[in-house]
Amino acid sequence: MELIEVVLSKENLNRAYKKVVANKGASGVDGITVEELGSYIRANKEVIVTSIRNRTYIPKPVRRVYIPKDNGKQRPLGIPTVTSYCTPPNFCLEYCLQLS
C-alpha cells in the first residue's frame, strides 16, 4: 500500500477529525465551526480525498488575529480552517513520524 493511501485511510482521517474536535478551535476564513465539521466532511469527503490523491488540494488561506502581549504589543496568530487541520499535509507529517 502506498503512503498516501495510508494517510488517507478512514482510520487516519477519523483520528485527525477527533483531534480537531478535541482542540475546540476557532473557525478560519471559511467560517466552518468545529460543530459543523462532521456534517461538512460527510458531505464533501470524496471531493476532499480525491483532490488530495490527485494533488489538486489547495488549503484555504489562514485567518490572521492578533493576541495581546504583556508588554502592550500584539503577537500575530494564524488560524487555519478546521478542514485544513483534518487534511494532509498537517497530519501527513505526524503520521509519517509515527511510522518511523
PDB file of N, CA and C in Angstrom:
ATOM      1  N   MET A   1       0.835  -1.178   0.000  1.00  0.00           N
ATOM      2  CA  MET A   1       0.000   0.000   0.000  1.00  0.00           C
ATOM      3  C   MET A   1       0.885   1.248   0.000  1.00  0.00           C
ATOM      4  N   GLU A   2       0.548   2.215  -0.829  1.00  0.00           N
ATOM      5  CA  GLU A   2       1.314   3.460  -0.901  1.00  0.00           C
ATOM      6  C   GLU A   2       1.030   4.325   0.327  1.00  0.00           C
ATOM      7  N   LEU A   3       1.994   5.164   0.670  1.00  0.00           N
ATOM      8  CA  LEU A   3       1.875   6.009   1.848  1.00  0.00           C
ATOM      9  C   LEU A   3       0.649   6.915   1.780  1.00  0.00           C
ATOM     10  N   ILE A   4       0.351   7.458   0.616  1.00  0.00           N
ATOM     11  CA  ILE A   4      -0.807   8.363   0.510  1.00  0.00           C
ATOM     12  C   ILE A   4      -2.092   7.624   0.849  1.00  0.00           C
ATOM     13  N   GLU A   5      -2.189   6.360   0.510  1.00  0.00           N
ATOM     14  CA  GLU A   5      -3.382   5.577   0.844  1.00  0.00           C
ATOM     15  C   GLU A   5      -3.468   5.335   2.349  1.00  0.00           C
ATOM     16  N   VAL A   6      -2.316   5.163   2.993  1.00  0.00           N
ATOM     17  CA  VAL A   6      -2.298   5.007   4.445  1.00  0.00           C
ATOM     18  C   VAL A   6      -2.732   6.315   5.107  1.00  0.00           C
ATOM     19  N   VAL A   7      -2.206   7.428   4.605  1.00  0.00           N
ATOM     20  CA  VAL A   7      -2.551   8.742   5.157  1.00  0.00           C
ATOM     21  C   VAL A   7      -4.034   9.031   4.961  1.00  0.00           C
ATOM     22  N   LEU A   8      -4.585   8.652   3.809  1.00  0.00           N
ATOM     23  CA  LEU A   8      -5.989   8.923   3.504  1.00  0.00           C
ATOM     24  C   LEU A   8      -6.931   7.825   3.997  1.00  0.00           C
ATOM     25  N   SER A   9      -6.422   6.903   4.764  1.00  0.00           N
ATOM     26  CA  SER A   9      -7.278   5.827   5.272  1.00  0.00           C
ATOM     27  C   SER A   9      -8.351   6.405   6.196  1.00  0.00           C
ATOM     28  N   LYS A  10      -9.450   5.709   6.268  1.00  0.00           N
ATOM     29  CA  LYS A  10     -10.564   6.147   7.109  1.00  0.00           C
ATOM     30  C   LYS A  10     -10.114   6.318   8.558  1.00  0.00           C
ATOM     31  N   GLU A  11      -9.302   5.388   9.046  1.00  0.00           N
ATOM     32  CA  GLU A  11      -8.838   5.452  10.430  1.00  0.00           C
ATOM     33  C   GLU A  11      -8.004   6.702  10.683  1.00  0.00           C
ATOM     34  N   ASN A  12      -7.097   7.020   9.770  1.00  0.00           N
ATOM     35  CA  ASN A  12      -6.242   8.189   9.937  1.00  0.00           C
ATOM     36  C   ASN A  12      -7.052   9.481   9.869  1.00  0.00           C
ATOM     37  N   LEU A  13      -7.978   9.558   8.913  1.00  0.00           N
ATOM     38  CA  LEU A  13      -8.807  10.759   8.795  1.00  0.00           C
ATOM     39  C   LEU A  13      -9.720  10.914  10.009  1.00  0.00           C
ATOM     40  N   ASN A  14     -10.237   9.813  10.525  1.00  0.00           N
ATOM     41  CA  ASN A  14     -11.058   9.879  11.740  1.00  0.00           C
ATOM     42  C   ASN A  14     -10.239  10.348  12.933  1.00  0.00           C
ATOM     43  N   ARG A  15      -8.998   9.880  13.025  1.00  0.00           N
ATOM     44  CA  ARG A  15      -8.113  10.311  14.106  1.00  0.00           C
ATOM     45  C   ARG A  15      -7.861  11.821  14.011  1.00  0.00           C
ATOM     46  N   ALA A  16      -7.660  12.317  12.809  1.00  0.00           N
ATOM     47  CA  ALA A  16      -7.445  13.747  12.608  1.00  0.00           C
ATOM     48  C   ALA A  16      -8.685  14.538  13.004  1.00  0.00           C
ATOM     49  N   TYR A  17      -9.859  14.044  12.597  1.00  0.00           N
ATOM     50  CA  TYR A  17     -11.122  14.707  12.942  1.00  0.00           C
ATOM     51  C   TYR A  17     -11.288  14.786  14.456  1.00  0.00           C
ATOM     52  N   LYS A  18     -11.063  13.681  15.145  1.00  0.00           N
ATOM     53  CA  LYS A  18     -11.234  13.653  16.595  1.00  0.00           C
ATOM     54  C   LYS A  18     -10.271  14.601  17.299  1.00  0.00           C
ATOM     55  N   LYS A  19      -9.070  14.722  16.762  1.00  0.00           N
ATOM     56  CA  LYS A  19      -8.080  15.630  17.347  1.00  0.00           C
ATOM     57  C   LYS A  19      -8.527  17.085  17.203  1.00  0.00           C
ATOM     58  N   VAL A  20      -9.066  17.434  16.038  1.00  0.00           N
ATOM     59  CA  VAL A  20      -9.545  18.796  15.798  1.00  0.00           C
ATOM     60  C   VAL A  20     -10.706  19.110  16.726  1.00  0.00           C
ATOM     61  N   VAL A  21     -11.652  18.179  16.853  1.00  0.00           N
ATOM     62  CA  VAL A  21     -12.812  18.391  17.717  1.00  0.00           C
ATOM     63  C   VAL A  21     -12.364  18.542  19.177  1.00  0.00           C
ATOM     64  N   ALA A  22     -11.411  17.729  19.605  1.00  0.00           N
ATOM     65  CA  ALA A  22     -10.921  17.795  20.983  1.00  0.00           C
ATOM     66  C   ALA A  22     -10.262  19.138  21.286  1.00  0.00           C
ATOM     67  N   ASN A  23      -9.634  19.754  20.286  1.00  0.00           N
ATOM     68  CA  ASN A  23      -8.961  21.043  20.483  1.00  0.00           C
ATOM     69  C   ASN A  23      -9.928  22.218  20.549  1.00  0.00           C
ATOM     70  N   LYS A  24     -11.166  22.032  20.071  1.00  0.00           N
ATOM     71  CA  LYS A  24     -12.217  23.060  20.126  1.00  0.00           C
ATOM     72  C   LYS A  24     -11.741  24.397  19.564  1.00  0.00           C
ATOM     73  N   GLY A  25     -11.101  24.364  18.414  1.00  0.00           N
ATOM     74  CA  GLY A  25     -10.535  25.568  17.826  1.00  0.00           C
ATOM     75  C   GLY A  25     -11.563  26.507  17.219  1.00  0.00           C
ATOM     76  N   ALA A  26     -11.105  27.684  16.897  1.00  0.00           N
ATOM     77  CA  ALA A  26     -11.937  28.701  16.257  1.00  0.00           C
ATOM     78  C   ALA A  26     -12.024  28.431  14.763  1.00  0.00           C
ATOM     79  N   SER A  27     -13.064  28.959  14.138  1.00  0.00           N
ATOM     80  CA  SER A  27     -13.209  28.772  12.688  1.00  0.00           C
ATOM     81  C   SER A  27     -12.243  29.681  11.938  1.00  0.00           C
ATOM     82  N   GLY A  28     -11.888  29.258  10.741  1.00  0.00           N
ATOM     83  CA  GLY A  28     -10.975  30.022   9.898  1.00  0.00           C
ATOM     84  C   GLY A  28     -11.742  30.928   8.948  1.00  0.00           C
ATOM     85  N   VAL A  29     -11.137  31.238   7.807  1.00  0.00           N
ATOM     86  CA  VAL A  29     -11.736  32.164   6.851  1.00  0.00           C
ATOM     87  C   VAL A  29     -13.019  31.626   6.224  1.00  0.00           C
ATOM     88  N   ASP A  30     -13.207  30.298   6.227  1.00  0.00           N
ATOM     89  CA  ASP A  30     -14.422  29.727   5.638  1.00  0.00           C
ATOM     90  C   ASP A  30     -15.613  29.768   6.588  1.00  0.00           C
ATOM     91  N   GLY A  31     -15.380  30.080   7.867  1.00  0.00           N
ATOM     92  CA  GLY A  31     -16.463  30.204   8.830  1.00  0.00           C
ATOM     93  C   GLY A  31     -17.011  28.890   9.347  1.00  0.00           C
ATOM     94  N   ILE A  32     -16.466  27.749   8.923  1.00  0.00           N
ATOM     95  CA  ILE A  32     -16.945  26.452   9.391  1.00  0.00           C
ATOM     96  C   ILE A  32     -16.448  26.226  10.818  1.00  0.00           C
ATOM     97  N   THR A  33     -17.391  25.966  11.721  1.00  0.00           N
ATOM     98  CA  THR A  33     -17.040  25.737  13.118  1.00  0.00           C
ATOM     99  C   THR A  33     -16.749  24.262  13.353  1.00  0.00           C
ATOM    100  N   VAL A  34     -16.172  23.971  14.503  1.00  0.00           N
ATOM    101  CA  VAL A  34     -15.899  22.586  14.870  1.00  0.00           C
ATOM    102  C   VAL A  34     -17.211  21.804  14.926  1.00  0.00           C
ATOM    103  N   GLU A  35     -18.271  22.451  15.397  1.00  0.00           N
ATOM    104  CA  GLU A  35     -19.570  21.792  15.483  1.00  0.00           C
ATOM    105  C   GLU A  35     -20.126  21.422  14.105  1.00  0.00           C
ATOM    106  N   GLU A  36     -19.820  22.199  13.095  1.00  0.00           N
ATOM    107  CA  GLU A  36     -20.299  21.945  11.735  1.00  0.00           C
ATOM    108  C   GLU A  36     -19.384  21.010  10.943  1.00  0.00           C
ATOM    109  N   LEU A  37     -18.210  20.728  11.478  1.00  0.00           N
ATOM    110  CA  LEU A  37     -17.186  19.992  10.739  1.00  0.00           C
ATOM    111  C   LEU A  37     -17.634  18.594  10.321  1.00  0.00           C
ATOM    112  N   GLY A  38     -18.269  17.862  11.214  1.00  0.00           N
ATOM    113  CA  GLY A  38     -18.683  16.491  10.910  1.00  0.00           C
ATOM    114  C   GLY A  38     -19.600  16.414   9.710  1.00  0.00           C
ATOM    115  N   SER A  39     -20.626  17.262   9.680  1.00  0.00           N
ATOM    116  CA  SER A  39     -21.558  17.230   8.543  1.00  0.00           C
ATOM    117  C   SER A  39     -20.890  17.727   7.268  1.00  0.00           C
ATOM    118  N   TYR A  40     -19.967  18.689   7.396  1.00  0.00           N
ATOM    119  CA  TYR A  40     -19.245  19.177   6.218  1.00  0.00           C
ATOM    120  C   TYR A  40     -18.388  18.065   5.611  1.00  0.00           C
ATOM    121  N   ILE A  41     -17.695  17.334   6.464  1.00  0.00           N
ATOM    122  CA  ILE A  41     -16.833  16.255   5.972  1.00  0.00           C
ATOM    123  C   ILE A  41     -17.668  15.143   5.345  1.00  0.00           C
ATOM    124  N   ARG A  42     -18.787  14.788   5.978  1.00  0.00           N
ATOM    125  CA  ARG A  42     -19.649  13.750   5.399  1.00  0.00           C
ATOM    126  C   ARG A  42     -20.130  14.150   4.009  1.00  0.00           C
ATOM    127  N   ALA A  43     -20.463  15.412   3.830  1.00  0.00           N
ATOM    128  CA  ALA A  43     -20.969  15.886   2.543  1.00  0.00           C
ATOM    129  C   ALA A  43     -19.874  16.055   1.492  1.00  0.00           C
ATOM    130  N   ASN A  44     -18.635  16.278   1.924  1.00  0.00           N
ATOM    131  CA  ASN A  44     -17.556  16.621   0.983  1.00  0.00           C
ATOM    132  C   ASN A  44     -16.363  15.675   1.012  1.00  0.00           C
ATOM    133  N   LYS A  45     -16.461  14.555   1.732  1.00  0.00           N
ATOM    134  CA  LYS A  45     -15.318  13.671   1.919  1.00  0.00           C
ATOM    135  C   LYS A  45     -14.702  13.203   0.601  1.00  0.00           C
ATOM    136  N   GLU A  46     -15.529  12.725  -0.314  1.00  0.00           N
ATOM    137  CA  GLU A  46     -14.989  12.191  -1.580  1.00  0.00           C
ATOM    138  C   GLU A  46     -14.253  13.258  -2.374  1.00  0.00           C
ATOM    139  N   VAL A  47     -14.789  14.461  -2.407  1.00  0.00           N
ATOM    140  CA  VAL A  47     -14.138  15.560  -3.138  1.00  0.00           C
ATOM    141  C   VAL A  47     -12.792  15.887  -2.491  1.00  0.00           C
ATOM    142  N   ILE A  48     -12.780  15.951  -1.161  1.00  0.00           N
ATOM    143  CA  ILE A  48     -11.542  16.274  -0.446  1.00  0.00           C
ATOM    144  C   ILE A  48     -10.489  15.194  -0.676  1.00  0.00           C
ATOM    145  N   VAL A  49     -10.869  13.931  -0.477  1.00  0.00           N
ATOM    146  CA  VAL A  49      -9.919  12.826  -0.620  1.00  0.00           C
ATOM    147  C   VAL A  49      -9.412  12.724  -2.058  1.00  0.00           C
ATOM    148  N   THR A  50     -10.319  12.866  -3.020  1.00  0.00           N
ATOM    149  CA  THR A  50      -9.917  12.799  -4.432  1.00  0.00           C
ATOM    150  C   THR A  50      -8.948  13.923  -4.782  1.00  0.00           C
ATOM    151  N   SER A  51      -9.217  15.125  -4.290  1.00  0.00           N
ATOM    152  CA  SER A  51      -8.324  16.243  -4.607  1.00  0.00           C
ATOM    153  C   SER A  51      -6.950  16.058  -3.970  1.00  0.00           C
ATOM    154  N   ILE A  52      -6.909  15.461  -2.780  1.00  0.00           N
ATOM    155  CA  ILE A  52      -5.605  15.188  -2.154  1.00  0.00           C
ATOM    156  C   ILE A  52      -4.869  14.112  -2.942  1.00  0.00           C
ATOM    157  N   ARG A  53      -5.579  13.052  -3.291  1.00  0.00           N
ATOM    158  CA  ARG A  53      -4.968  11.947  -4.049  1.00  0.00           C
ATOM    159  C   ARG A  53      -4.454  12.436  -5.410  1.00  0.00           C
ATOM    160  N   ASN A  54      -5.196  13.334  -6.056  1.00  0.00           N
ATOM    161  CA  ASN A  54      -4.817  13.846  -7.380  1.00  0.00           C
ATOM    162  C   ASN A  54      -3.856  15.033  -7.314  1.00  0.00           C
ATOM    163  N   ARG A  55      -3.484  15.409  -6.097  1.00  0.00           N
ATOM    164  CA  ARG A  55      -2.571  16.543  -5.869  1.00  0.00           C
ATOM    165  C   ARG A  55      -3.126  17.871  -6.362  1.00  0.00           C
ATOM    166  N   THR A  56      -4.450  18.034  -6.262  1.00  0.00           N
ATOM    167  CA  THR A  56      -5.074  19.304  -6.626  1.00  0.00           C
ATOM    168  C   THR A  56      -5.644  20.021  -5.413  1.00  0.00           C
ATOM    169  N   TYR A  57      -5.484  19.438  -4.211  1.00  0.00           N
ATOM    170  CA  TYR A  57      -5.995  20.048  -2.983  1.00  0.00           C
ATOM    171  C   TYR A  57      -5.199  21.302  -2.663  1.00  0.00           C
ATOM    172  N   ILE A  58      -5.904  22.383  -2.396  1.00  0.00           N
ATOM    173  CA  ILE A  58      -5.272  23.641  -2.005  1.00  0.00           C
ATOM    174  C   ILE A  58      -5.908  24.084  -0.695  1.00  0.00           C
ATOM    175  N   PRO A  59      -5.122  24.146   0.386  1.00  0.00           N
ATOM    176  CA  PRO A  59      -5.685  24.599   1.665  1.00  0.00           C
ATOM    177  C   PRO A  59      -6.186  26.037   1.569  1.00  0.00           C
ATOM    178  N   LYS A  60      -7.180  26.357   2.367  1.00  0.00           N
ATOM    179  CA  LYS A  60      -7.721  27.717   2.416  1.00  0.00           C
ATOM    180  C   LYS A  60      -6.706  28.645   3.082  1.00  0.00           C
ATOM    181  N   PRO A  61      -6.817  29.940   2.814  1.00  0.00           N
ATOM    182  CA  PRO A  61      -5.924  30.898   3.485  1.00  0.00           C
ATOM    183  C   PRO A  61      -6.134  30.862   5.003  1.00  0.00           C
ATOM    184  N   VAL A  62      -5.156  31.356   5.724  1.00  0.00           N
ATOM    185  CA  VAL A  62      -5.194  31.385   7.177  1.00  0.00           C
ATOM    186  C   VAL A  62      -5.775  32.725   7.639  1.00  0.00           C
ATOM    187  N   ARG A  63      -6.666  32.672   8.658  1.00  0.00           N
ATOM    188  CA  ARG A  63      -7.234  33.901   9.231  1.00  0.00           C
ATOM    189  C   ARG A  63      -6.232  34.466  10.230  1.00  0.00           C
ATOM    190  N   ARG A  64      -5.942  35.753  10.125  1.00  0.00           N
ATOM    191  CA  ARG A  64      -4.961  36.406  10.986  1.00  0.00           C
ATOM    192  C   ARG A  64      -5.694  37.128  12.122  1.00  0.00           C
ATOM    193  N   VAL A  65      -5.284  36.846  13.348  1.00  0.00           N
ATOM    194  CA  VAL A  65      -5.761  37.579  14.517  1.00  0.00           C
ATOM    195  C   VAL A  65      -4.539  38.016  15.306  1.00  0.00           C
ATOM    196  N   TYR A  66      -4.744  38.972  16.191  1.00  0.00           N
ATOM    197  CA  TYR A  66      -3.633  39.473  16.996  1.00  0.00           C
ATOM    198  C   TYR A  66      -3.931  39.245  18.471  1.00  0.00           C
ATOM    199  N   ILE A  67      -2.965  38.678  19.161  1.00  0.00           N
ATOM    200  CA  ILE A  67      -3.072  38.347  20.571  1.00  0.00           C
ATOM    201  C   ILE A  67      -2.272  39.378  21.367  1.00  0.00           C
ATOM    202  N   PRO A  68      -2.904  40.025  22.361  1.00  0.00           N
ATOM    203  CA  PRO A  68      -2.156  41.000  23.165  1.00  0.00           C
ATOM    204  C   PRO A  68      -1.058  40.339  24.003  1.00  0.00           C
ATOM    205  N   LYS A  69       0.066  41.019  24.097  1.00  0.00           N
ATOM    206  CA  LYS A  69       1.183  40.550  24.910  1.00  0.00           C
ATOM    207  C   LYS A  69       1.250  41.387  26.194  1.00  0.00           C
ATOM    208  N   ASP A  70       2.005  40.907  27.177  1.00  0.00           N
ATOM    209  CA  ASP A  70       2.126  41.603  28.461  1.00  0.00           C
ATOM    210  C   ASP A  70       2.734  42.997  28.321  1.00  0.00           C
ATOM    211  N   ASN A  71       3.585  43.184  27.313  1.00  0.00           N
ATOM    212  CA  ASN A  71       4.269  44.464  27.147  1.00  0.00           C
ATOM    213  C   ASN A  71       3.449  45.490  26.357  1.00  0.00           C
ATOM    214  N   GLY A  72       2.181  45.171  26.065  1.00  0.00           N
ATOM    215  CA  GLY A  72       1.309  46.097  25.347  1.00  0.00           C
ATOM    216  C   GLY A  72       1.309  45.906  23.846  1.00  0.00           C
ATOM    217  N   LYS A  73       2.260  45.159  23.332  1.00  0.00           N
ATOM    218  CA  LYS A  73       2.299  44.887  21.900  1.00  0.00           C
ATOM    219  C   LYS A  73       1.361  43.728  21.573  1.00  0.00           C
ATOM    220  N   GLN A  74       1.280  43.403  20.294  1.00  0.00           N
ATOM    221  CA  GLN A  74       0.428  42.298  19.874  1.00  0.00           C
ATOM    222  C   GLN A  74       1.229  41.285  19.068  1.00  0.00           C
ATOM    223  N   ARG A  75       0.859  40.011  19.244  1.00  0.00           N
ATOM    224  CA  ARG A  75       1.513  38.926  18.517  1.00  0.00           C
ATOM    225  C   ARG A  75       0.544  38.389  17.478  1.00  0.00           C
ATOM    226  N   PRO A  76       0.979  38.294  16.203  1.00  0.00           N
ATOM    227  CA  PRO A  76       0.086  37.747  15.174  1.00  0.00           C
ATOM    228  C   PRO A  76      -0.097  36.244  15.349  1.00  0.00           C
ATOM    229  N   LEU A  77      -1.295  35.772  15.064  1.00  0.00           N
ATOM    230  CA  LEU A  77      -1.601  34.355  15.154  1.00  0.00           C
ATOM    231  C   LEU A  77      -2.405  33.966  13.921  1.00  0.00           C
ATOM    232  N   GLY A  78      -2.013  32.893  13.261  1.00  0.00           N
ATOM    233  CA  GLY A  78      -2.738  32.397  12.094  1.00  0.00           C
ATOM    234  C   GLY A  78      -3.676  31.280  12.486  1.00  0.00           C
ATOM    235  N   ILE A  79      -4.947  31.384  12.095  1.00  0.00           N
ATOM    236  CA  ILE A  79      -5.930  30.347  12.390  1.00  0.00           C
ATOM    237  C   ILE A  79      -6.343  29.694  11.075  1.00  0.00           C
ATOM    238  N   PRO A  80      -5.892  28.452  10.848  1.00  0.00           N
ATOM    239  CA  PRO A  80      -6.306  27.756   9.626  1.00  0.00           C
ATOM    240  C   PRO A  80      -7.758  27.310   9.741  1.00  0.00           C
ATOM    241  N   THR A  81      -8.337  26.922   8.639  1.00  0.00           N
ATOM    242  CA  THR A  81      -9.696  26.392   8.674  1.00  0.00           C
ATOM    243  C   THR A  81      -9.690  25.046   9.372  1.00  0.00           C
ATOM    244  N   VAL A  82     -10.830  24.671   9.959  1.00  0.00           N
ATOM    245  CA  VAL A  82     -10.889  23.375  10.632  1.00  0.00           C
ATOM    246  C   VAL A  82     -10.730  22.239   9.631  1.00  0.00           C
ATOM    247  N   THR A  83     -11.143  22.450   8.383  1.00  0.00           N
ATOM    248  CA  THR A  83     -10.965  21.404   7.375  1.00  0.00           C
ATOM    249  C   THR A  83      -9.493  21.244   7.017  1.00  0.00           C
ATOM    250  N   SER A  84      -8.721  22.312   7.049  1.00  0.00           N
ATOM    251  CA  SER A  84      -7.285  22.203   6.777  1.00  0.00           C
ATOM    252  C   SER A  84      -6.588  21.392   7.850  1.00  0.00           C
ATOM    253  N   TYR A  85      -7.048  21.515   9.077  1.00  0.00           N
ATOM    254  CA  TYR A  85      -6.467  20.715  10.156  1.00  0.00           C
ATOM    255  C   TYR A  85      -6.706  19.231   9.961  1.00  0.00           C
ATOM    256  N   CYS A  86      -7.813  18.879   9.319  1.00  0.00           N
ATOM    257  CA  CYS A  86      -8.185  17.464   9.171  1.00  0.00           C
ATOM    258  C   CYS A  86      -7.587  16.812   7.938  1.00  0.00           C
ATOM    259  N   THR A  87      -6.867  17.559   7.143  1.00  0.00           N
ATOM    260  CA  THR A  87      -6.355  17.007   5.893  1.00  0.00           C
ATOM    261  C   THR A  87      -4.841  17.101   5.836  1.00  0.00           C
ATOM    262  N   PRO A  88      -4.222  16.227   5.039  1.00  0.00           N
ATOM    263  CA  PRO A  88      -2.783  16.359   4.826  1.00  0.00           C
ATOM    264  C   PRO A  88      -2.504  17.708   4.157  1.00  0.00           C
ATOM    265  N   PRO A  89      -1.330  18.283   4.292  1.00  0.00           N
ATOM    266  CA  PRO A  89      -0.130  17.694   4.877  1.00  0.00           C
ATOM    267  C   PRO A  89      -0.046  17.793   6.392  1.00  0.00           C
ATOM    268  N   ASN A  90      -0.992  18.500   7.054  1.00  0.00           N
ATOM    269  CA  ASN A  90      -0.892  18.682   8.502  1.00  0.00           C
ATOM    270  C   ASN A  90      -0.713  17.367   9.251  1.00  0.00           C
ATOM    271  N   PHE A  91      -1.556  16.389   8.984  1.00  0.00           N
ATOM    272  CA  PHE A  91      -1.469  15.129   9.691  1.00  0.00           C
ATOM    273  C   PHE A  91      -0.584  14.124   8.963  1.00  0.00           C
ATOM    274  N   CYS A  92      -0.222  14.417   7.724  1.00  0.00           N
ATOM    275  CA  CYS A  92       0.651  13.522   6.958  1.00  0.00           C
ATOM    276  C   CYS A  92       2.012  13.409   7.633  1.00  0.00           C
ATOM    277  N   LEU A  93       2.606  14.525   7.979  1.00  0.00           N
ATOM    278  CA  LEU A  93       3.927  14.511   8.614  1.00  0.00           C
ATOM    279  C   LEU A  93       3.855  13.797   9.955  1.00  0.00           C
ATOM    280  N   GLU A  94       2.829  14.105  10.740  1.00  0.00           N
ATOM    281  CA  GLU A  94       2.694  13.455  12.039  1.00  0.00           C
ATOM    282  C   GLU A  94       2.575  11.940  11.873  1.00  0.00           C
ATOM    283  N   TYR A  95       1.786  11.510  10.901  1.00  0.00           N
ATOM    284  CA  TYR A  95       1.597  10.073  10.681  1.00  0.00           C
ATOM    285  C   TYR A  95       2.914   9.424  10.234  1.00  0.00           C
ATOM    286  N   CYS A  96       3.614  10.095   9.335  1.00  0.00           N
ATOM    287  CA  CYS A  96       4.898   9.543   8.854  1.00  0.00           C
ATOM    288  C   CYS A  96       5.893   9.410  10.004  1.00  0.00           C
ATOM    289  N   LEU A  97       5.887  10.368  10.924  1.00  0.00           N
ATOM    290  CA  LEU A  97       6.779  10.292  12.075  1.00  0.00           C
ATOM    291  C   LEU A  97       6.395   9.119  12.979  1.00  0.00           C
ATOM    292  N   GLN A  98       5.101   8.820  13.067  1.00  0.00           N
ATOM    293  CA  GLN A  98       4.659   7.684  13.871  1.00  0.00           C
ATOM    294  C   GLN A  98       5.098   6.378  13.236  1.00  0.00           C
ATOM    295  N   LEU A  99       5.192   6.334  11.894  1.00  0.00           N
ATOM    296  CA  LEU A  99       5.602   5.112  11.203  1.00  0.00           C
ATOM    297  C   LEU A  99       7.080   4.807  11.424  1.00  0.00           C
ATOM    298  N   SER A 100       7.877   5.873  11.641  1.00  0.00           N
ATOM    299  CA  SER A 100       9.325   5.656  11.751  1.00  0.00           C
ATOM    300  C   SER A 100       9.732   5.168  13.138  1.00  0.00           C
TER     301      SER A 100
END
